[in-house]
Amino acid sequence: MSALPKNLVPMPKQSQVAGIKSQTLEINPTNGSSSSVYGANNNRLIFNVGSIPNGFLNTKKSFIKFDLKVTSTTANSHRVAAGIPIFNRMIVKTGSGSVLEDVQDLDVYDRLSLNMESYSSASSKNALLGWGGTDVQNATLQYAGTTYVKPLPSGVLGKDQEFYIPLHLMGSTYAFEVELQLAAASSVAQRIAGTDTNVEFTITNVSLQLEVVNMPEDVCRKLDVAICGGEALRIPYSEVKAYRNNVPSGVTRHSVQTHEVSPNVEKVMTVIRPATFTIADDKFAFVGGKKAAGGNNIVDEYQYRYADRYAPLQPAKTGSNSNGALANIVRELGFESMPWFSSTSTNGDSEFSIKSFFILQDFQTDPELVSGLSTMAHASPIETYLTFAANTTDALSLETFAKSTNALEISGNGVASKGLIM
């Protein structure tokens, strides 16, 4: 069967149903106002998202906005890391109190997510939001105070949610409660000049910018009947859970167990960081790559296992003469998703091999389907096996993030809760 290229046959655009419009809502924290200062002594931000009549939330055009200012005894001596990973915990609840997400070590996952983004996406953020440039430029901006915007780091309300959220169907006083907790300055700030160890950061003018699509009442009513059919509405979303373990010094082999119970584990990601930091350290340098500083703590190979299933099938070799880990990640993410592959030194060493090392295993056959790893059958954990090229020289922090599919379930009477994907 033969066919003409589709670009040869222009198709007219269809008209949108009359009366559909979108609006941007700005929501300030309920535990403060736009003028409130959040920092070390006031580190919780709580937002209530209302049940808006005939309103659907477009999460792809929703984000958090704030002004960030760094202060210390010596000006321009510190900076907050690229990507501004200043939140270390996020809790998302429905208006009826059901917890949909509770992500800890969010600052680490935030930076890991930035490392996994494509060149084009990361470059756009650098250009528009001021995340790129030299350390001194970043420090100068942050000491003067500058505005940043970030997608809400949420599976149900973030940029990766593919469906509009029907706020009007959630019958409580409000649809969602979002709580963000700030990380300590010592966890996200890096000293880049001098010897000053006294550093803080604050954020002000904080707001959630939400894009809400409003439907005409008659259209919305018909749509509700068609979507719900008188039964519960189930909206899938991805939830991330963090698991932290320690790797002692003086070992060449180490294994950890991750007890993630889910009908659909999408992927597992692991990063390794030093167990302790000084104020001058890059807190988001992920160690373990084959060009690790001093040639220490290099991961020689790794493998995940669940019950009798191994992933990858053979251990991925990552040591000094192998790019097995990089090849495994490129297979999962694609070649475009490699900003950490760029050379950073005269001999061509990459970010990945020096300070952006991470391991990742995608368990999905097709991301459009429930095709991942089911850990519901029995109580076996997901095990991570690491072999180091030599004895570890110091203690390490090993942080694993498991991403699984869940469902936001909205009943016919408007009660929303967390349910399992079917």
Protein backbone atom coordinates (compact mmCIF):
# COMPACT_ATOMS: atom_id res chain seq x y z
CA MET A 1 0.00 0.00 0.00
CA SER A 2 1.41 3.40 -1.01
CA ALA A 3 0.62 6.89 0.31
CA LEU A 4 1.57 10.49 -0.26
CA PRO A 5 3.60 12.41 2.33
CA LYS A 6 1.11 13.92 4.77
CA ASN A 7 2.72 17.34 4.40
CA LEU A 8 1.41 17.49 0.83
CA VAL A 9 -2.21 17.56 1.99
CA PRO A 10 -2.98 20.60 4.16
CA MET A 11 -5.76 20.05 6.69
CA PRO A 12 -7.75 22.99 8.04
CA LYS A 13 -7.69 23.51 11.79
CA GLN A 14 -10.92 22.78 13.63
CA SER A 15 -12.58 25.46 15.71
CA GLN A 16 -12.55 25.13 19.47
CA VAL A 17 -15.84 24.72 21.30
CA ALA A 18 -17.16 28.20 22.01
CA GLY A 19 -16.76 29.52 25.53
CA ILE A 20 -13.60 27.64 26.52
CA LYS A 21 -10.99 29.99 27.95
CA SER A 22 -7.91 29.89 30.14
CA GLN A 23 -6.79 32.13 32.95
CA THR A 24 -3.71 32.39 35.15
CA LEU A 25 -4.34 32.33 38.89
CA GLU A 26 -1.74 33.54 41.38
CA ILE A 27 -1.91 31.84 44.77
CA ASN A 28 0.09 33.07 47.74
CA PRO A 29 1.03 30.82 50.66
CA THR A 30 -1.75 30.41 53.20
CA ASN A 31 0.80 30.66 56.01
CA GLY A 32 1.99 34.06 54.81
CA SER A 33 1.59 36.60 52.05
CA SER A 34 3.51 37.89 49.05
CA SER A 35 5.62 40.03 51.41
CA SER A 36 6.50 37.17 53.78
CA VAL A 37 10.17 36.20 54.06
CA TYR A 38 10.96 32.48 54.05
CA GLY A 39 14.30 31.10 55.16
CA ALA A 40 16.02 29.34 58.04
CA ASN A 41 13.48 30.54 60.64
CA ASN A 42 10.39 30.20 58.46
CA ASN A 43 10.99 27.25 56.17
CA ARG A 44 7.50 25.93 55.33
CA LEU A 45 5.31 27.16 52.48
CA ILE A 46 1.71 25.93 52.28
CA PHE A 47 -0.56 26.53 49.29
CA ASN A 48 -4.25 25.67 49.02
CA VAL A 49 -5.53 25.15 45.47
CA GLY A 50 -9.24 25.89 45.31
CA SER A 51 -12.06 23.80 43.83
CA ILE A 52 -12.71 26.15 40.92
CA PRO A 53 -16.15 25.89 39.26
CA ASN A 54 -15.90 24.37 35.77
CA GLY A 55 -12.10 24.61 36.09
CA PHE A 56 -9.39 22.23 34.88
CA LEU A 57 -5.76 22.70 35.94
CA ASN A 58 -3.22 22.68 33.09
CA THR A 59 -0.12 21.57 34.98
CA LYS A 60 2.22 22.06 32.00
CA LYS A 61 1.74 25.83 32.27
CA SER A 62 1.82 26.03 36.07
CA PHE A 63 4.87 26.86 38.15
CA ILE A 64 6.19 28.38 41.37
CA LYS A 65 7.74 31.86 41.29
CA PHE A 66 9.91 33.55 43.92
CA ASP A 67 12.66 36.10 44.50
CA LEU A 68 15.84 34.59 45.94
CA LYS A 69 18.51 36.49 47.83
CA VAL A 70 21.76 35.12 49.27
CA THR A 71 23.45 36.89 52.19
CA SER A 72 26.75 36.37 54.01
CA THR A 73 29.43 38.39 55.74
CA THR A 74 31.42 38.55 52.49
CA ALA A 75 29.33 39.54 49.47
CA ASN A 76 29.40 37.39 46.33
CA SER A 77 31.28 34.60 48.11
CA HIS A 78 28.59 31.90 47.81
CA ARG A 79 26.02 30.71 45.32
CA VAL A 80 23.02 28.39 45.28
CA ALA A 81 23.51 25.43 42.96
CA ALA A 82 22.37 25.38 39.34
CA GLY A 83 18.67 24.64 39.04
CA ILE A 84 18.04 26.37 42.40
CA PRO A 85 17.27 23.10 44.27
CA ILE A 86 16.18 24.87 47.47
CA PHE A 87 13.27 22.60 48.50
CA ASN A 88 14.13 19.40 50.37
CA ARG A 89 10.60 18.04 50.90
CA MET A 90 7.22 18.28 49.20
CA ILE A 91 3.89 16.97 50.47
CA VAL A 92 0.80 17.03 48.24
CA LYS A 93 -2.58 16.25 49.81
CA THR A 94 -6.13 16.32 48.54
CA GLY A 95 -8.58 18.67 50.24
CA SER A 96 -9.99 15.67 52.09
CA GLY A 97 -6.56 14.95 53.61
CA SER A 98 -5.33 12.00 51.52
CA VAL A 99 -1.55 12.17 50.95
CA LEU A 100 -0.75 11.80 47.25
CA GLU A 101 2.99 12.53 47.40
CA ASP A 102 5.62 12.90 50.11
CA VAL A 103 8.98 13.37 48.42
CA GLN A 104 12.02 13.72 50.66
CA ASP A 105 15.55 14.61 49.54
CA LEU A 106 13.74 16.68 46.94
CA ASP A 107 16.77 18.93 46.39
CA VAL A 108 18.86 15.94 45.31
CA TYR A 109 16.11 14.57 43.07
CA ASP A 110 15.58 18.06 41.64
CA ARG A 111 19.24 18.23 40.59
CA LEU A 112 19.17 14.66 39.29
CA SER A 113 16.13 15.55 37.16
CA LEU A 114 18.02 18.53 35.75
CA ASN A 115 20.92 16.23 34.84
CA MET A 116 18.50 13.94 32.99
CA GLU A 117 16.95 16.69 30.89
CA SER A 118 17.81 17.12 27.24
CA TYR A 119 20.38 19.59 25.93
CA SER A 120 17.65 21.74 24.38
CA SER A 121 15.53 21.91 27.54
CA ALA A 122 18.51 22.60 29.83
CA SER A 123 19.88 25.25 27.45
CA SER A 124 16.52 27.02 27.37
CA LYS A 125 16.43 27.18 31.16
CA ASN A 126 19.98 28.48 31.31
CA ALA A 127 19.17 31.25 28.84
CA LEU A 128 15.82 32.29 30.29
CA LEU A 129 16.27 31.77 34.01
CA GLY A 130 19.91 32.61 34.60
CA TRP A 131 20.94 29.15 35.75
CA GLY A 132 23.99 29.09 33.49
CA GLY A 133 27.03 31.33 33.33
CA THR A 134 29.99 31.45 35.66
CA ASP A 135 29.81 30.94 39.39
CA VAL A 136 30.64 34.60 39.96
CA GLN A 137 27.78 35.73 37.71
CA ASN A 138 25.37 33.48 39.58
CA ALA A 139 26.61 34.76 42.92
CA THR A 140 26.29 38.40 41.83
CA LEU A 141 22.69 37.84 40.72
CA GLN A 142 21.74 36.03 43.90
CA TYR A 143 23.30 38.57 46.25
CA ALA A 144 21.47 41.39 44.47
CA GLY A 145 18.27 39.33 44.57
CA THR A 146 16.70 37.87 41.45
CA THR A 147 13.48 36.17 40.35
CA TYR A 148 13.33 32.48 39.52
CA VAL A 149 10.55 30.26 38.26
CA LYS A 150 10.44 26.48 38.63
CA PRO A 151 7.93 23.83 37.61
CA LEU A 152 6.22 22.39 40.67
CA PRO A 153 8.29 19.24 41.35
CA SER A 154 5.21 17.05 41.52
CA GLY A 155 3.93 14.04 39.62
CA VAL A 156 0.27 14.85 40.02
CA LEU A 157 0.56 18.66 39.66
CA GLY A 158 3.84 19.01 37.75
CA LYS A 159 4.89 19.40 34.13
CA ASP A 160 4.94 15.64 33.47
CA GLN A 161 1.21 15.23 34.22
CA GLU A 162 -0.37 14.62 30.82
CA PHE A 163 -4.01 15.20 31.83
CA TYR A 164 -5.90 18.29 32.96
CA ILE A 165 -6.92 18.01 36.62
CA PRO A 166 -10.68 18.62 37.11
CA LEU A 167 -10.58 20.96 40.11
CA HIS A 168 -14.34 21.44 40.01
CA LEU A 169 -15.01 17.74 40.68
CA MET A 170 -13.12 17.77 43.97
CA GLY A 171 -15.83 18.62 46.45
CA SER A 172 -13.87 19.85 49.47
CA THR A 173 -13.30 23.51 50.35
CA TYR A 174 -10.12 23.26 48.34
CA ALA A 175 -8.84 20.66 45.87
CA PHE A 176 -5.19 20.32 46.96
CA GLU A 177 -2.82 21.34 49.72
CA VAL A 178 0.82 21.66 48.66
CA GLU A 179 3.54 22.00 51.31
CA LEU A 180 7.14 22.80 50.39
CA GLN A 181 9.95 22.80 52.94
CA LEU A 182 13.15 24.75 52.37
CA ALA A 183 16.54 23.08 52.61
CA ALA A 184 19.18 24.54 54.92
CA ALA A 185 21.56 27.00 53.30
CA SER A 186 24.45 24.75 54.29
CA SER A 187 22.90 22.02 52.10
CA VAL A 188 22.47 24.00 48.89
CA ALA A 189 24.99 26.88 49.05
CA GLN A 190 28.58 26.56 47.87
CA ARG A 191 31.42 28.90 48.81
CA ILE A 192 33.26 30.05 45.70
CA ALA A 193 35.55 32.75 47.16
CA GLY A 194 37.20 33.63 50.46
CA THR A 195 36.81 31.80 53.75
CA ASP A 196 33.41 33.02 54.95
CA THR A 197 31.25 30.18 56.33
CA ASN A 198 28.27 32.32 57.36
CA VAL A 199 25.67 32.09 54.59
CA GLU A 200 21.88 32.20 54.39
CA PHE A 201 19.30 32.53 51.66
CA THR A 202 15.75 33.85 51.76
CA ILE A 203 12.88 33.86 49.29
CA THR A 204 10.09 36.43 49.04
CA ASN A 205 7.22 37.26 46.67
CA VAL A 206 6.40 33.54 46.54
CA SER A 207 3.39 32.43 44.53
CA LEU A 208 1.98 29.51 42.61
CA GLN A 209 1.11 30.54 39.07
CA LEU A 210 -1.65 28.18 37.91
CA GLU A 211 -3.09 27.91 34.42
CA VAL A 212 -6.80 27.02 34.70
CA VAL A 213 -8.93 26.10 31.68
CA ASN A 214 -12.59 27.04 32.18
CA MET A 215 -15.38 25.20 30.36
CA PRO A 216 -18.92 26.51 29.67
CA GLU A 217 -21.22 25.01 32.28
CA ASP A 218 -23.29 22.95 29.85
CA VAL A 219 -20.18 21.57 28.14
CA CYS A 220 -18.54 20.83 31.47
CA ARG A 221 -21.64 18.97 32.71
CA LYS A 222 -21.79 16.79 29.59
CA LEU A 223 -18.04 16.19 29.80
CA ASP A 224 -18.28 15.13 33.44
CA VAL A 225 -20.96 12.58 32.59
CA ALA A 226 -18.94 11.28 29.65
CA ILE A 227 -15.68 11.04 31.62
CA CYS A 228 -16.98 9.74 34.92
CA GLY A 229 -20.00 7.76 33.74
CA GLY A 230 -21.34 7.92 37.28
CA GLU A 231 -18.23 6.16 38.64
CA ALA A 232 -14.92 7.24 40.12
CA LEU A 233 -12.52 9.16 37.88
CA ARG A 234 -8.95 7.85 37.94
CA ILE A 235 -6.07 10.08 36.79
CA PRO A 236 -2.66 8.38 36.64
CA TYR A 237 0.43 10.15 37.93
CA SER A 238 4.01 9.26 38.79
CA GLU A 239 5.16 9.39 42.39
CA VAL A 240 8.79 9.48 43.52
CA LYS A 241 9.98 8.04 46.83
CA ALA A 242 13.47 8.53 48.24
CA TYR A 243 15.50 5.90 50.07
CA ARG A 244 18.82 6.77 51.74
CA ASN A 245 21.57 4.35 52.71
CA ASN A 246 25.20 4.62 53.77
CA VAL A 247 28.23 2.97 52.18
CA PRO A 248 31.00 2.49 54.75
CA SER A 249 34.65 3.16 54.03
CA GLY A 250 36.97 0.28 53.25
CA VAL A 251 34.60 -1.89 51.17
CA THR A 252 34.68 -3.00 47.54
CA ARG A 253 31.16 -4.48 47.43
CA HIS A 254 27.93 -3.09 48.77
CA SER A 255 24.23 -3.88 48.36
CA VAL A 256 21.11 -2.09 49.49
CA GLN A 257 17.43 -3.00 49.51
CA THR A 258 14.62 -0.70 48.38
CA HIS A 259 11.17 -1.75 49.59
CA GLU A 260 8.99 -0.13 46.95
CA VAL A 261 5.54 -1.76 46.76
CA SER A 262 3.75 -0.83 43.56
CA PRO A 263 1.91 -2.46 40.65
CA ASN A 264 4.02 -0.40 38.23
CA VAL A 265 7.56 0.67 39.16
CA GLU A 266 8.60 2.81 36.21
CA LYS A 267 12.27 3.34 36.97
CA VAL A 268 14.87 3.35 39.72
CA MET A 269 17.66 5.95 39.91
CA THR A 270 20.65 6.05 42.25
CA VAL A 271 23.21 8.73 43.05
CA ILE A 272 26.22 8.63 45.37
CA ARG A 273 27.47 11.63 47.34
CA PRO A 274 30.03 12.13 50.12
CA ALA A 275 28.55 11.48 53.55
CA THR A 276 29.85 14.84 54.83
CA PHE A 277 30.37 18.23 53.23
CA THR A 278 32.20 21.46 53.85
CA ILE A 279 30.76 24.83 52.85
CA ALA A 280 33.14 24.94 49.87
CA ASP A 281 31.93 21.63 48.42
CA ASP A 282 29.52 21.22 45.55
CA LYS A 283 26.66 19.45 47.38
CA PHE A 284 25.29 18.12 44.09
CA ALA A 285 28.44 16.51 42.78
CA PHE A 286 27.42 12.89 42.23
CA VAL A 287 30.51 10.75 42.70
CA GLY A 288 31.34 7.26 41.46
CA GLY A 289 32.30 8.02 37.86
CA LYS A 290 35.47 6.59 36.36
CA LYS A 291 37.22 9.98 36.59
CA ALA A 292 36.30 10.51 40.25
CA ALA A 293 38.46 12.97 42.16
CA GLY A 294 41.70 11.36 43.23
CA GLY A 295 40.69 8.13 41.53
CA ASN A 296 38.77 7.14 44.66
CA ASN A 297 35.30 5.61 45.15
CA ILE A 298 34.93 4.63 41.49
CA VAL A 299 31.98 2.31 40.82
CA ASP A 300 33.35 -0.56 38.76
CA GLU A 301 29.98 -2.22 38.01
CA TYR A 302 26.37 -2.20 39.13
CA GLN A 303 23.16 -4.17 38.72
CA TYR A 304 19.59 -4.14 40.08
CA ARG A 305 17.62 -7.24 41.02
CA TYR A 306 14.01 -7.97 41.91
CA ALA A 307 13.26 -11.61 42.83
CA ASP A 308 14.71 -13.59 39.90
CA ARG A 309 14.86 -10.63 37.50
CA TYR A 310 18.14 -8.80 36.87
CA ALA A 311 18.42 -5.37 35.26
CA PRO A 312 20.47 -4.93 33.24
CA LEU A 313 20.75 -8.62 32.48
CA GLN A 314 24.53 -8.49 32.89
CA PRO A 315 26.24 -6.11 35.35
CA ALA A 316 26.98 -2.73 33.74
CA LYS A 317 30.71 -2.12 33.74
CA THR A 318 31.61 1.45 34.61
CA GLY A 319 35.28 1.31 35.55
CA SER A 320 38.27 3.04 34.00
CA ASN A 321 38.16 1.07 30.73
CA SER A 322 34.40 0.88 30.20
CA ASN A 323 31.45 3.12 29.40
CA GLY A 324 28.85 0.51 30.34
CA ALA A 325 26.99 2.75 32.77
CA LEU A 326 26.87 5.58 30.29
CA ALA A 327 25.69 3.25 27.52
CA ASN A 328 22.95 1.86 29.76
CA ILE A 329 21.68 5.35 30.62
CA VAL A 330 21.86 6.56 27.01
CA ARG A 331 19.71 3.58 26.02
CA GLU A 332 17.09 4.58 28.59
CA LEU A 333 17.14 8.37 28.09
CA GLY A 334 18.23 8.82 24.48
CA PHE A 335 21.22 10.61 23.04
CA GLU A 336 19.70 14.09 23.34
CA SER A 337 19.41 13.76 27.11
CA MET A 338 23.12 14.22 27.74
CA PRO A 339 24.12 17.71 28.93
CA TRP A 340 26.43 15.96 31.40
CA PHE A 341 28.27 14.30 28.48
CA SER A 342 29.98 17.53 27.42
CA SER A 343 33.73 17.76 27.92
CA THR A 344 34.91 19.74 30.93
CA SER A 345 38.69 19.46 30.69
CA THR A 346 41.53 19.51 28.18
CA ASN A 347 41.67 15.71 28.00
CA GLY A 348 37.97 15.42 27.15
CA ASP A 349 36.65 14.07 30.44
CA SER A 350 32.88 14.45 30.69
CA GLU A 351 30.68 15.79 33.47
CA PHE A 352 29.23 12.29 33.80
CA SER A 353 32.60 10.68 34.48
CA ILE A 354 33.67 13.38 36.96
CA LYS A 355 30.76 14.71 39.07
CA SER A 356 27.41 13.92 37.42
CA PHE A 357 27.53 10.14 37.73
CA PHE A 358 24.22 8.38 38.32
CA ILE A 359 22.76 5.00 37.51
CA LEU A 360 19.29 4.40 36.19
CA GLN A 361 17.16 1.45 35.15
CA ASP A 362 13.86 1.86 33.30
CA PHE A 363 11.58 -1.14 33.84
CA GLN A 364 8.86 -0.10 31.38
CA THR A 365 8.25 -1.83 28.08
CA ASP A 366 5.99 1.01 26.92
CA PRO A 367 5.56 4.21 29.01
CA GLU A 368 2.04 4.62 27.59
CA LEU A 369 0.99 1.35 29.24
CA VAL A 370 1.15 -0.22 32.71
CA SER A 371 4.20 -2.19 31.68
CA GLY A 372 6.73 -1.68 34.47
CA LEU A 373 7.86 -3.82 37.36
CA SER A 374 5.11 -5.10 39.66
CA THR A 375 6.31 -5.54 43.23
CA MET A 376 2.87 -6.42 44.60
CA ALA A 377 3.19 -10.19 44.27
CA HIS A 378 5.44 -10.71 47.29
CA ALA A 379 7.58 -8.77 49.71
CA SER A 380 10.88 -8.94 47.85
CA PRO A 381 12.81 -5.65 47.75
CA ILE A 382 14.53 -4.13 44.75
CA GLU A 383 18.22 -4.77 45.41
CA THR A 384 21.10 -2.62 44.19
CA TYR A 385 24.52 -4.27 43.85
CA LEU A 386 27.61 -2.06 43.61
CA THR A 387 31.22 -3.11 43.09
CA PHE A 388 33.91 -0.47 43.57
CA ALA A 389 37.22 -0.46 41.72
CA ALA A 390 39.05 -0.38 45.06
CA ASN A 391 38.25 -0.06 48.73
CA THR A 392 36.14 3.04 49.38
CA THR A 393 38.32 5.71 50.97
CA ASP A 394 35.56 7.36 52.99
CA ALA A 395 31.90 6.92 53.92
CA LEU A 396 29.36 7.66 51.18
CA SER A 397 25.66 8.49 51.06
CA LEU A 398 23.75 6.39 48.56
CA GLU A 399 20.36 7.82 47.60
CA THR A 400 17.88 5.81 45.54
CA PHE A 401 14.74 7.24 43.97
CA ALA A 402 11.96 4.89 42.88
CA LYS A 403 9.37 6.27 40.45
CA SER A 404 6.03 4.45 40.42
CA THR A 405 2.59 4.94 38.89
CA ASN A 406 -0.37 5.73 41.12
CA ALA A 407 -3.81 7.23 40.50
CA LEU A 408 -5.69 10.25 41.77
CA GLU A 409 -9.15 8.80 42.38
CA ILE A 410 -12.11 11.18 42.49
CA SER A 411 -15.40 9.61 43.57
CA GLY A 412 -18.83 10.67 42.41
CA ASN A 413 -19.40 12.64 45.62
CA GLY A 414 -16.19 14.65 45.15
CA VAL A 415 -13.94 12.83 47.64
CA ALA A 416 -10.43 12.58 46.20
CA SER A 417 -7.81 10.08 47.37
CA LYS A 418 -4.77 8.10 46.32
CA GLY A 419 -5.49 4.82 44.56
CA LEU A 420 -3.53 2.14 42.77
CA ILE A 421 -3.31 2.22 39.01
CA MET A 422 -5.27 -0.58 37.36
